[in-house]
């Protein structure tokens, strides 16, 4: 809007910007509502089996990973 309203006039130019902004807002609102829907999404039997297998594998084969704070404290002492 640096050089005046343009060929559409003041109202047409402001309307064009408002319509574009409203469309962008609506688009992102639609995505957000899809992401945050309150629908009950229970895990399938296959998903539950995969999670259980991962938990068993994690607890039996390897120790828990060392927290990053341990490495940061060790590096700051040197």
C-alpha atoms as a PDB file:
ATOM      1  CA  UNK A   1       0.000   0.000   0.000  1.00  0.00           C
ATOM      2  CA  UNK A   2       3.065   2.163  -0.413  1.00  0.00           C
ATOM      3  CA  UNK A   3       2.018   3.623  -3.770  1.00  0.00           C
ATOM      4  CA  UNK A   4      -1.698   4.124  -3.261  1.00  0.00           C
ATOM      5  CA  UNK A   5      -4.744   1.905  -3.619  1.00  0.00           C
ATOM      6  CA  UNK A   6      -4.114   0.630  -7.149  1.00  0.00           C
ATOM      7  CA  UNK A   7      -6.665   0.154  -9.940  1.00  0.00           C
ATOM      8  CA  UNK A   8      -9.313  -1.412  -7.666  1.00  0.00           C
ATOM      9  CA  UNK A   9      -9.585   1.554  -5.324  1.00  0.00           C
ATOM     10  CA  UNK A  10      -9.233   1.606  -1.553  1.00  0.00           C
ATOM     11  CA  UNK A  11     -12.099  -0.728  -0.749  1.00  0.00           C
ATOM     12  CA  UNK A  12     -11.206  -3.270  -3.425  1.00  0.00           C
ATOM     13  CA  UNK A  13      -7.566  -3.400  -2.372  1.00  0.00           C
ATOM     14  CA  UNK A  14      -8.373  -3.782   1.324  1.00  0.00           C
ATOM     15  CA  UNK A  15     -10.996  -6.391   0.451  1.00  0.00           C
ATOM     16  CA  UNK A  16      -8.444  -8.354  -1.552  1.00  0.00           C
ATOM     17  CA  UNK A  17      -5.982  -8.399   1.358  1.00  0.00           C
ATOM     18  CA  UNK A  18      -8.734  -9.286   3.835  1.00  0.00           C
ATOM     19  CA  UNK A  19      -9.926 -12.159   1.655  1.00  0.00           C
ATOM     20  CA  UNK A  20      -6.387 -13.514   1.319  1.00  0.00           C
ATOM     21  CA  UNK A  21      -5.789 -13.274   5.049  1.00  0.00           C
ATOM     22  CA  UNK A  22      -9.118 -14.935   5.826  1.00  0.00           C
ATOM     23  CA  UNK A  23      -8.385 -17.784   3.434  1.00  0.00           C
ATOM     24  CA  UNK A  24      -4.961 -18.363   5.006  1.00  0.00           C
ATOM     25  CA  UNK A  25      -6.437 -18.269   8.496  1.00  0.00           C
ATOM     26  CA  UNK A  26      -9.168 -20.727   7.510  1.00  0.00           C
ATOM     27  CA  UNK A  27      -6.661 -23.107   5.953  1.00  0.00           C
ATOM     28  CA  UNK A  28      -4.431 -23.243   9.022  1.00  0.00           C
ATOM     29  CA  UNK A  29      -7.435 -23.439  11.350  1.00  0.00           C
ATOM     30  CA  UNK A  30      -8.662 -26.460   9.384  1.00  0.00           C
ATOM     31  CA  UNK A  31      -5.289 -28.180   9.776  1.00  0.00           C
ATOM     32  CA  UNK A  32      -5.208 -27.386  13.490  1.00  0.00           C
ATOM     33  CA  UNK A  33      -8.685 -28.746  14.057  1.00  0.00           C
ATOM     34  CA  UNK A  34      -7.765 -31.982  12.284  1.00  0.00           C
ATOM     35  CA  UNK A  35      -4.668 -32.372  14.433  1.00  0.00           C
ATOM     36  CA  UNK A  36      -6.433 -31.600  17.710  1.00  0.00           C
ATOM     37  CA  UNK A  37      -9.662 -33.478  17.139  1.00  0.00           C
ATOM     38  CA  UNK A  38     -11.098 -35.107  20.245  1.00  0.00           C
ATOM     39  CA  UNK A  39     -11.932 -38.321  18.474  1.00  0.00           C
ATOM     40  CA  UNK A  40     -11.169 -41.527  20.383  1.00  0.00           C
ATOM     41  CA  UNK A  41      -8.242 -43.117  18.620  1.00  0.00           C
ATOM     42  CA  UNK A  42      -7.498 -46.383  20.327  1.00  0.00           C
ATOM     43  CA  UNK A  43      -4.549 -48.480  19.226  1.00  0.00           C
ATOM     44  CA  UNK A  44      -5.127 -51.481  17.013  1.00  0.00           C
ATOM     45  CA  UNK A  45      -4.016 -54.912  18.169  1.00  0.00           C
ATOM     46  CA  UNK A  46      -1.050 -54.718  15.783  1.00  0.00           C
ATOM     47  CA  UNK A  47       0.053 -51.360  17.223  1.00  0.00           C
ATOM     48  CA  UNK A  48      -0.242 -52.675  20.777  1.00  0.00           C
ATOM     49  CA  UNK A  49       1.851 -55.740  19.892  1.00  0.00           C
ATOM     50  CA  UNK A  50       4.526 -53.549  18.309  1.00  0.00           C
ATOM     51  CA  UNK A  51       4.692 -51.333  21.399  1.00  0.00           C
ATOM     52  CA  UNK A  52       4.874 -54.333  23.724  1.00  0.00           C
ATOM     53  CA  UNK A  53       7.667 -55.909  21.661  1.00  0.00           C
ATOM     54  CA  UNK A  54       9.639 -52.673  21.725  1.00  0.00           C
ATOM     55  CA  UNK A  55       9.217 -52.319  25.481  1.00  0.00           C
ATOM     56  CA  UNK A  56      10.329 -55.902  26.079  1.00  0.00           C
ATOM     57  CA  UNK A  57      13.322 -55.479  23.775  1.00  0.00           C
ATOM     58  CA  UNK A  58      14.267 -52.204  25.481  1.00  0.00           C
ATOM     59  CA  UNK A  59      14.065 -53.554  29.015  1.00  0.00           C
ATOM     60  CA  UNK A  60      15.847 -56.855  28.401  1.00  0.00           C
ATOM     61  CA  UNK A  61      18.659 -56.222  25.923  1.00  0.00           C
ATOM     62  CA  UNK A  62      20.092 -52.820  26.702  1.00  0.00           C
ATOM     63  CA  UNK A  63      20.355 -50.484  29.653  1.00  0.00           C
ATOM     64  CA  UNK A  64      18.632 -47.127  29.626  1.00  0.00           C
ATOM     65  CA  UNK A  65      20.528 -44.443  27.739  1.00  0.00           C
ATOM     66  CA  UNK A  66      22.688 -42.048  29.692  1.00  0.00           C
ATOM     67  CA  UNK A  67      21.049 -38.626  30.028  1.00  0.00           C
ATOM     68  CA  UNK A  68      22.640 -35.746  28.139  1.00  0.00           C
ATOM     69  CA  UNK A  69      23.121 -33.895  31.453  1.00  0.00           C
ATOM     70  CA  UNK A  70      25.738 -36.502  32.413  1.00  0.00           C
ATOM     71  CA  UNK A  71      27.808 -35.751  29.316  1.00  0.00           C
ATOM     72  CA  UNK A  72      27.415 -31.993  29.722  1.00  0.00           C
ATOM     73  CA  UNK A  73      28.562 -32.137  33.356  1.00  0.00           C
ATOM     74  CA  UNK A  74      31.491 -34.351  32.398  1.00  0.00           C
ATOM     75  CA  UNK A  75      32.531 -31.976  29.609  1.00  0.00           C
ATOM     76  CA  UNK A  76      32.338 -28.912  31.860  1.00  0.00           C
ATOM     77  CA  UNK A  77      34.696 -30.527  34.414  1.00  0.00           C
ATOM     78  CA  UNK A  78      37.432 -30.959  31.793  1.00  0.00           C
END
